[in-house]
Amino acid sequence: MPAVAGGSYAGVSAAQRRTERRARLLGAGLEVIGTEGWSAATVRAICREAGLSSRYFYESFDSIEQLAAEIFDGIFQRATQSVIDVVDAAPRDPHLRNRVAIETFVRELSDDPRVARFAFIETLGSQLLVERRLAALRSAVEALLVHKRQSRRQPRATETYREVVATVLIGGLAELLIAWMHGRLDAELPQLVDAYIRLANDVGDLANQAHR
C-alpha cells in the first residue's frame, strides 16, 4: 500500500512507525545484552534481533551505550514506580512497608533473568551504565529516606546517619542479588529476601533504639 500525505502507510503515521521501531530496538537490546552479555552488544546483533536494518538504529540512537542507558532507565523507573504504588497502598506499619517494598523491588528485577543480568551484572561493562547504576542507587536511597521520615517510628538521627543506613541497605540488596545470580549463595531467592527483610527491620529497630 503506497504512502499517503503526511507519511502515513497502511494507516500508520511515520512518527508511529519510528516509535514502533525504537521499541523493537530497545527490546532487542535487552534480549542481546541480557542473554549474551555486553560483549555481544553490537549494532548488527541488535538490529538482527529487532529485524531492522542498521540505518534504523541510528534513526533513534547515537550509540549502543545510549540505547543501553535507556533500557536501564526504563527498568529502574518501572521498578521504582511499582515500589511506590505498593508502599502507598500498604498500612502505615514500618515493618510491613519494608517487606512489600523489598519484595516488589526484587520481583521487578529478578522475575525476568534478562532484566536481572542487565541491571546488576552487565552494567559494569560500560562507564555510562556504571554512572546510571550509581544514580539509580542514589534515587533508591533518597526514596528510602523519604519513607523513613514519614514513618511513625522515625529515629531522631542526623541526616548523615540516615543516609549511611539507607545506602548500606540499598547497596547490600544489590550485592545480594548479584551474589545470588552468580550462584554464590546456597539458598532460594525467597529465602534470601526474607533474611534480608529481617536484617533491614533489625537495622531500623536498632537505629530507633540508638537515637531515643
C-alpha atoms as a PDB file:
ATOM      1  CA  MET A   1       0.000   0.000   0.000  1.00  0.00           C
ATOM      2  CA  PRO A   2       1.542   3.361  -1.008  1.00  0.00           C
ATOM      3  CA  ALA A   3       2.262   6.077   1.469  1.00  0.00           C
ATOM      4  CA  VAL A   4      -0.225   8.927   1.627  1.00  0.00           C
ATOM      5  CA  ALA A   5       0.075  12.576   2.546  1.00  0.00           C
ATOM      6  CA  GLY A   6       1.782  13.143   5.853  1.00  0.00           C
ATOM      7  CA  GLY A   7       3.848   9.987   5.592  1.00  0.00           C
ATOM      8  CA  SER A   8       1.126   7.512   6.556  1.00  0.00           C
ATOM      9  CA  TYR A   9       1.445   3.914   5.459  1.00  0.00           C
ATOM     10  CA  ALA A  10      -1.348   1.393   5.949  1.00  0.00           C
ATOM     11  CA  GLY A  11      -2.954   3.876   8.305  1.00  0.00           C
ATOM     12  CA  VAL A  12       0.178   4.242  10.465  1.00  0.00           C
ATOM     13  CA  SER A  13       1.967   7.583  10.554  1.00  0.00           C
ATOM     14  CA  ALA A  14       5.724   7.988  10.109  1.00  0.00           C
ATOM     15  CA  ALA A  15       6.034   9.035  13.766  1.00  0.00           C
ATOM     16  CA  GLN A  16       4.176   5.926  14.913  1.00  0.00           C
ATOM     17  CA  ARG A  17       6.399   3.687  12.790  1.00  0.00           C
ATOM     18  CA  ARG A  18       9.500   5.318  14.205  1.00  0.00           C
ATOM     19  CA  THR A  19       8.198   4.809  17.765  1.00  0.00           C
ATOM     20  CA  GLU A  20       7.488   1.150  16.989  1.00  0.00           C
ATOM     21  CA  ARG A  21      10.992   0.639  15.542  1.00  0.00           C
ATOM     22  CA  ARG A  22      12.507   2.302  18.591  1.00  0.00           C
ATOM     23  CA  ALA A  23      10.597  -0.012  20.920  1.00  0.00           C
ATOM     24  CA  ARG A  24      11.771  -3.033  18.907  1.00  0.00           C
ATOM     25  CA  LEU A  25      15.381  -1.902  19.216  1.00  0.00           C
ATOM     26  CA  LEU A  26      15.046  -1.428  22.976  1.00  0.00           C
ATOM     27  CA  GLY A  27      13.535  -4.895  23.294  1.00  0.00           C
ATOM     28  CA  ALA A  28      16.289  -6.347  21.132  1.00  0.00           C
ATOM     29  CA  GLY A  29      18.947  -4.609  23.215  1.00  0.00           C
ATOM     30  CA  LEU A  30      17.552  -6.161  26.386  1.00  0.00           C
ATOM     31  CA  GLU A  31      17.466  -9.569  24.727  1.00  0.00           C
ATOM     32  CA  VAL A  32      21.041  -9.416  23.409  1.00  0.00           C
ATOM     33  CA  ILE A  33      22.680  -7.846  26.460  1.00  0.00           C
ATOM     34  CA  GLY A  34      20.516  -9.715  28.933  1.00  0.00           C
ATOM     35  CA  THR A  35      21.234 -13.133  27.428  1.00  0.00           C
ATOM     36  CA  GLU A  36      24.626 -12.888  25.696  1.00  0.00           C
ATOM     37  CA  GLY A  37      26.278 -10.092  27.648  1.00  0.00           C
ATOM     38  CA  TRP A  38      27.695  -6.663  26.956  1.00  0.00           C
ATOM     39  CA  SER A  39      30.456  -8.029  24.710  1.00  0.00           C
ATOM     40  CA  ALA A  40      27.808  -9.279  22.250  1.00  0.00           C
ATOM     41  CA  ALA A  41      26.094  -5.905  22.028  1.00  0.00           C
ATOM     42  CA  THR A  42      26.820  -4.650  18.529  1.00  0.00           C
ATOM     43  CA  VAL A  43      24.620  -2.606  16.253  1.00  0.00           C
ATOM     44  CA  ARG A  44      24.496  -5.543  13.839  1.00  0.00           C
ATOM     45  CA  ALA A  45      23.440  -8.032  16.510  1.00  0.00           C
ATOM     46  CA  ILE A  46      20.749  -5.779  17.940  1.00  0.00           C
ATOM     47  CA  CYS A  47      19.377  -4.870  14.519  1.00  0.00           C
ATOM     48  CA  ARG A  48      19.305  -8.547  13.561  1.00  0.00           C
ATOM     49  CA  GLU A  49      17.360  -9.348  16.734  1.00  0.00           C
ATOM     50  CA  ALA A  50      14.972  -6.461  16.024  1.00  0.00           C
ATOM     51  CA  GLY A  51      14.563  -7.396  12.360  1.00  0.00           C
ATOM     52  CA  LEU A  52      15.666  -3.940  11.243  1.00  0.00           C
ATOM     53  CA  SER A  53      18.495  -2.514   9.196  1.00  0.00           C
ATOM     54  CA  SER A  54      21.253  -0.522  10.863  1.00  0.00           C
ATOM     55  CA  ARG A  55      20.008   2.772   9.444  1.00  0.00           C
ATOM     56  CA  TYR A  56      17.003   2.479  11.706  1.00  0.00           C
ATOM     57  CA  PHE A  57      19.267   2.067  14.727  1.00  0.00           C
ATOM     58  CA  TYR A  58      20.887   5.433  14.088  1.00  0.00           C
ATOM     59  CA  GLU A  59      17.482   6.955  13.481  1.00  0.00           C
ATOM     60  CA  SER A  60      16.871   6.647  17.251  1.00  0.00           C
ATOM     61  CA  PHE A  61      20.237   6.150  18.978  1.00  0.00           C
ATOM     62  CA  ASP A  62      23.719   7.578  18.660  1.00  0.00           C
ATOM     63  CA  SER A  63      25.419   4.533  20.148  1.00  0.00           C
ATOM     64  CA  ILE A  64      24.955   1.177  21.858  1.00  0.00           C
ATOM     65  CA  GLU A  65      25.638   2.885  25.185  1.00  0.00           C
ATOM     66  CA  GLN A  66      22.796   5.343  24.651  1.00  0.00           C
ATOM     67  CA  LEU A  67      20.392   2.505  23.859  1.00  0.00           C
ATOM     68  CA  ALA A  68      21.602   0.531  26.890  1.00  0.00           C
ATOM     69  CA  ALA A  69      21.243   3.560  29.163  1.00  0.00           C
ATOM     70  CA  GLU A  70      17.635   3.989  28.099  1.00  0.00           C
ATOM     71  CA  ILE A  71      16.941   0.302  28.728  1.00  0.00           C
ATOM     72  CA  PHE A  72      18.476   0.636  32.194  1.00  0.00           C
ATOM     73  CA  ASP A  73      16.497   3.784  32.987  1.00  0.00           C
ATOM     74  CA  GLY A  74      13.286   2.083  31.896  1.00  0.00           C
ATOM     75  CA  ILE A  75      13.961  -0.945  34.101  1.00  0.00           C
ATOM     76  CA  PHE A  76      14.522   1.131  37.225  1.00  0.00           C
ATOM     77  CA  GLN A  77      11.732   3.599  36.527  1.00  0.00           C
ATOM     78  CA  ARG A  78       9.241   0.731  36.291  1.00  0.00           C
ATOM     79  CA  ALA A  79      10.632  -0.956  39.399  1.00  0.00           C
ATOM     80  CA  THR A  80      10.609   2.293  41.367  1.00  0.00           C
ATOM     81  CA  GLN A  81       7.043   3.111  40.363  1.00  0.00           C
ATOM     82  CA  SER A  82       5.893  -0.372  41.352  1.00  0.00           C
ATOM     83  CA  VAL A  83       7.504   0.060  44.771  1.00  0.00           C
ATOM     84  CA  ILE A  84       5.903   3.492  45.232  1.00  0.00           C
ATOM     85  CA  ASP A  85       2.493   2.085  44.323  1.00  0.00           C
ATOM     86  CA  VAL A  86       2.608  -0.834  46.765  1.00  0.00           C
ATOM     87  CA  VAL A  87       4.043   1.262  49.607  1.00  0.00           C
ATOM     88  CA  ASP A  88       1.387   3.947  49.131  1.00  0.00           C
ATOM     89  CA  ALA A  89      -1.298   1.263  49.356  1.00  0.00           C
ATOM     90  CA  ALA A  90       0.225  -0.510  52.380  1.00  0.00           C
ATOM     91  CA  PRO A  91      -0.763   0.129  56.019  1.00  0.00           C
ATOM     92  CA  ARG A  92       1.490   2.603  57.825  1.00  0.00           C
ATOM     93  CA  ASP A  93       3.468  -0.070  59.617  1.00  0.00           C
ATOM     94  CA  PRO A  94       7.226   0.297  59.016  1.00  0.00           C
ATOM     95  CA  HIS A  95       7.981  -3.430  59.004  1.00  0.00           C
ATOM     96  CA  LEU A  96       5.142  -4.216  56.621  1.00  0.00           C
ATOM     97  CA  ARG A  97       6.115  -1.374  54.317  1.00  0.00           C
ATOM     98  CA  ASN A  98       9.717  -2.580  54.299  1.00  0.00           C
ATOM     99  CA  ARG A  99       8.545  -6.051  53.321  1.00  0.00           C
ATOM    100  CA  VAL A 100       6.260  -5.036  50.455  1.00  0.00           C
ATOM    101  CA  ALA A 101       8.816  -2.540  49.115  1.00  0.00           C
ATOM    102  CA  ILE A 102      11.696  -5.026  49.113  1.00  0.00           C
ATOM    103  CA  GLU A 103       9.632  -7.933  47.775  1.00  0.00           C
ATOM    104  CA  THR A 104       8.266  -5.763  44.961  1.00  0.00           C
ATOM    105  CA  PHE A 105      11.684  -4.378  44.044  1.00  0.00           C
ATOM    106  CA  VAL A 106      13.283  -7.818  43.942  1.00  0.00           C
ATOM    107  CA  ARG A 107      10.412  -9.306  41.962  1.00  0.00           C
ATOM    108  CA  GLU A 108      10.531  -6.499  39.394  1.00  0.00           C
ATOM    109  CA  LEU A 109      14.266  -7.025  38.852  1.00  0.00           C
ATOM    110  CA  SER A 110      14.528 -10.802  39.093  1.00  0.00           C
ATOM    111  CA  ASP A 111      11.404 -12.309  37.510  1.00  0.00           C
ATOM    112  CA  ASP A 112      12.935 -11.857  34.057  1.00  0.00           C
ATOM    113  CA  PRO A 113      16.514 -13.242  34.053  1.00  0.00           C
ATOM    114  CA  ARG A 114      17.438 -10.848  31.243  1.00  0.00           C
ATOM    115  CA  VAL A 115      16.463  -7.855  33.379  1.00  0.00           C
ATOM    116  CA  ALA A 116      18.387  -9.164  36.392  1.00  0.00           C
ATOM    117  CA  ARG A 117      21.543  -9.761  34.367  1.00  0.00           C
ATOM    118  CA  PHE A 118      21.268  -6.430  32.582  1.00  0.00           C
ATOM    119  CA  ALA A 119      20.618  -4.397  35.728  1.00  0.00           C
ATOM    120  CA  PHE A 120      23.183  -5.932  38.066  1.00  0.00           C
ATOM    121  CA  ILE A 121      25.940  -7.539  36.008  1.00  0.00           C
ATOM    122  CA  GLU A 122      26.181  -6.084  32.516  1.00  0.00           C
ATOM    123  CA  THR A 123      26.061  -2.517  33.784  1.00  0.00           C
ATOM    124  CA  LEU A 124      29.699  -3.000  34.765  1.00  0.00           C
ATOM    125  CA  GLY A 125      30.635  -3.282  31.080  1.00  0.00           C
ATOM    126  CA  SER A 126      30.063   0.389  30.343  1.00  0.00           C
ATOM    127  CA  GLN A 127      31.155   3.558  32.122  1.00  0.00           C
ATOM    128  CA  LEU A 128      27.861   5.226  31.219  1.00  0.00           C
ATOM    129  CA  LEU A 129      25.915   2.335  32.731  1.00  0.00           C
ATOM    130  CA  VAL A 130      28.095   2.390  35.846  1.00  0.00           C
ATOM    131  CA  GLU A 131      27.111   6.035  36.258  1.00  0.00           C
ATOM    132  CA  ARG A 132      23.449   5.141  35.662  1.00  0.00           C
ATOM    133  CA  ARG A 133      23.692   2.384  38.287  1.00  0.00           C
ATOM    134  CA  LEU A 134      25.115   4.818  40.828  1.00  0.00           C
ATOM    135  CA  ALA A 135      22.373   7.330  40.034  1.00  0.00           C
ATOM    136  CA  ALA A 136      19.721   4.622  40.436  1.00  0.00           C
ATOM    137  CA  LEU A 137      21.252   3.635  43.772  1.00  0.00           C
ATOM    138  CA  ARG A 138      21.142   7.259  44.895  1.00  0.00           C
ATOM    139  CA  SER A 139      17.488   7.564  43.865  1.00  0.00           C
ATOM    140  CA  ALA A 140      16.645   4.423  45.806  1.00  0.00           C
ATOM    141  CA  VAL A 141      18.451   5.773  48.878  1.00  0.00           C
ATOM    142  CA  GLU A 142      16.525   9.053  48.643  1.00  0.00           C
ATOM    143  CA  ALA A 143      13.240   7.155  48.320  1.00  0.00           C
ATOM    144  CA  LEU A 144      14.092   5.113  51.412  1.00  0.00           C
ATOM    145  CA  LEU A 145      14.960   8.277  53.348  1.00  0.00           C
ATOM    146  CA  VAL A 146      11.587   9.784  52.460  1.00  0.00           C
ATOM    147  CA  HIS A 147       9.925   6.596  53.717  1.00  0.00           C
ATOM    148  CA  LYS A 148      11.896   6.769  56.968  1.00  0.00           C
ATOM    149  CA  ARG A 149      10.991  10.421  57.518  1.00  0.00           C
ATOM    150  CA  GLN A 150       7.308   9.641  57.049  1.00  0.00           C
ATOM    151  CA  SER A 151       7.406   6.622  59.361  1.00  0.00           C
ATOM    152  CA  ARG A 152       5.819   6.992  62.770  1.00  0.00           C
ATOM    153  CA  ARG A 153       8.872   5.245  64.180  1.00  0.00           C
ATOM    154  CA  GLN A 154      11.383   7.545  62.590  1.00  0.00           C
ATOM    155  CA  PRO A 155      14.602   7.684  64.630  1.00  0.00           C
ATOM    156  CA  ARG A 156      15.797  11.055  65.840  1.00  0.00           C
ATOM    157  CA  ALA A 157      19.032  10.643  63.952  1.00  0.00           C
ATOM    158  CA  THR A 158      21.166  13.008  61.966  1.00  0.00           C
ATOM    159  CA  GLU A 159      20.646  13.180  58.219  1.00  0.00           C
ATOM    160  CA  THR A 160      24.126  11.748  57.734  1.00  0.00           C
ATOM    161  CA  TYR A 161      23.306   8.751  59.911  1.00  0.00           C
ATOM    162  CA  ARG A 162      20.099   8.079  57.970  1.00  0.00           C
ATOM    163  CA  GLU A 163      21.969   8.350  54.672  1.00  0.00           C
ATOM    164  CA  VAL A 164      24.596   5.846  55.830  1.00  0.00           C
ATOM    165  CA  VAL A 165      21.923   3.348  56.902  1.00  0.00           C
ATOM    166  CA  ALA A 166      19.914   3.774  53.694  1.00  0.00           C
ATOM    167  CA  THR A 167      22.990   3.474  51.462  1.00  0.00           C
ATOM    168  CA  VAL A 168      24.198   0.318  53.217  1.00  0.00           C
ATOM    169  CA  LEU A 169      20.752  -1.300  52.981  1.00  0.00           C
ATOM    170  CA  ILE A 170      20.196  -0.466  49.312  1.00  0.00           C
ATOM    171  CA  GLY A 171      23.762  -1.311  48.272  1.00  0.00           C
ATOM    172  CA  GLY A 172      23.617  -4.523  50.259  1.00  0.00           C
ATOM    173  CA  LEU A 173      20.456  -5.612  48.478  1.00  0.00           C
ATOM    174  CA  ALA A 174      22.099  -5.059  45.094  1.00  0.00           C
ATOM    175  CA  GLU A 175      25.142  -7.090  46.138  1.00  0.00           C
ATOM    176  CA  LEU A 176      22.879  -9.828  47.500  1.00  0.00           C
ATOM    177  CA  LEU A 177      21.159 -10.151  44.126  1.00  0.00           C
ATOM    178  CA  ILE A 178      24.484 -10.195  42.276  1.00  0.00           C
ATOM    179  CA  ALA A 179      25.820 -12.961  44.543  1.00  0.00           C
ATOM    180  CA  TRP A 180      22.608 -14.951  44.010  1.00  0.00           C
ATOM    181  CA  MET A 181      22.838 -14.616  40.224  1.00  0.00           C
ATOM    182  CA  HIS A 182      26.447 -15.828  40.297  1.00  0.00           C
ATOM    183  CA  GLY A 183      25.410 -18.879  42.318  1.00  0.00           C
ATOM    184  CA  ARG A 184      27.483 -17.913  45.341  1.00  0.00           C
ATOM    185  CA  LEU A 185      24.604 -18.303  47.817  1.00  0.00           C
ATOM    186  CA  ASP A 186      23.218 -21.740  48.604  1.00  0.00           C
ATOM    187  CA  ALA A 187      19.577 -20.714  49.063  1.00  0.00           C
ATOM    188  CA  GLU A 188      16.495 -19.905  47.034  1.00  0.00           C
ATOM    189  CA  LEU A 189      15.833 -16.240  46.325  1.00  0.00           C
ATOM    190  CA  PRO A 190      12.675 -16.039  48.514  1.00  0.00           C
ATOM    191  CA  GLN A 191      14.721 -17.289  51.481  1.00  0.00           C
ATOM    192  CA  LEU A 192      17.399 -14.684  50.840  1.00  0.00           C
ATOM    193  CA  VAL A 193      14.843 -11.920  50.513  1.00  0.00           C
ATOM    194  CA  ASP A 194      13.174 -12.971  53.755  1.00  0.00           C
ATOM    195  CA  ALA A 195      16.538 -12.926  55.547  1.00  0.00           C
ATOM    196  CA  TYR A 196      17.326  -9.518  54.080  1.00  0.00           C
ATOM    197  CA  ILE A 197      13.956  -8.144  55.201  1.00  0.00           C
ATOM    198  CA  ARG A 198      14.603  -9.351  58.747  1.00  0.00           C
ATOM    199  CA  LEU A 199      18.011  -7.682  58.616  1.00  0.00           C
ATOM    200  CA  ALA A 200      16.538  -4.400  57.327  1.00  0.00           C
ATOM    201  CA  ASN A 201      13.905  -4.403  60.072  1.00  0.00           C
ATOM    202  CA  ASP A 202      16.529  -5.187  62.728  1.00  0.00           C
ATOM    203  CA  VAL A 203      18.709  -2.324  61.492  1.00  0.00           C
ATOM    204  CA  GLY A 204      15.735   0.019  61.626  1.00  0.00           C
ATOM    205  CA  ASP A 205      14.869  -1.062  65.162  1.00  0.00           C
ATOM    206  CA  LEU A 206      18.464  -0.643  66.321  1.00  0.00           C
ATOM    207  CA  ALA A 207      18.572   2.820  64.797  1.00  0.00           C
ATOM    208  CA  ASN A 208      15.410   3.738  66.681  1.00  0.00           C
ATOM    209  CA  GLN A 209      16.857   2.484  69.969  1.00  0.00           C
ATOM    210  CA  ALA A 210      20.207   4.202  69.445  1.00  0.00           C
ATOM    211  CA  HIS A 211      18.627   7.618  68.906  1.00  0.00           C
ATOM    212  CA  ARG A 212      15.867   7.731  71.515  1.00  0.00           C
END
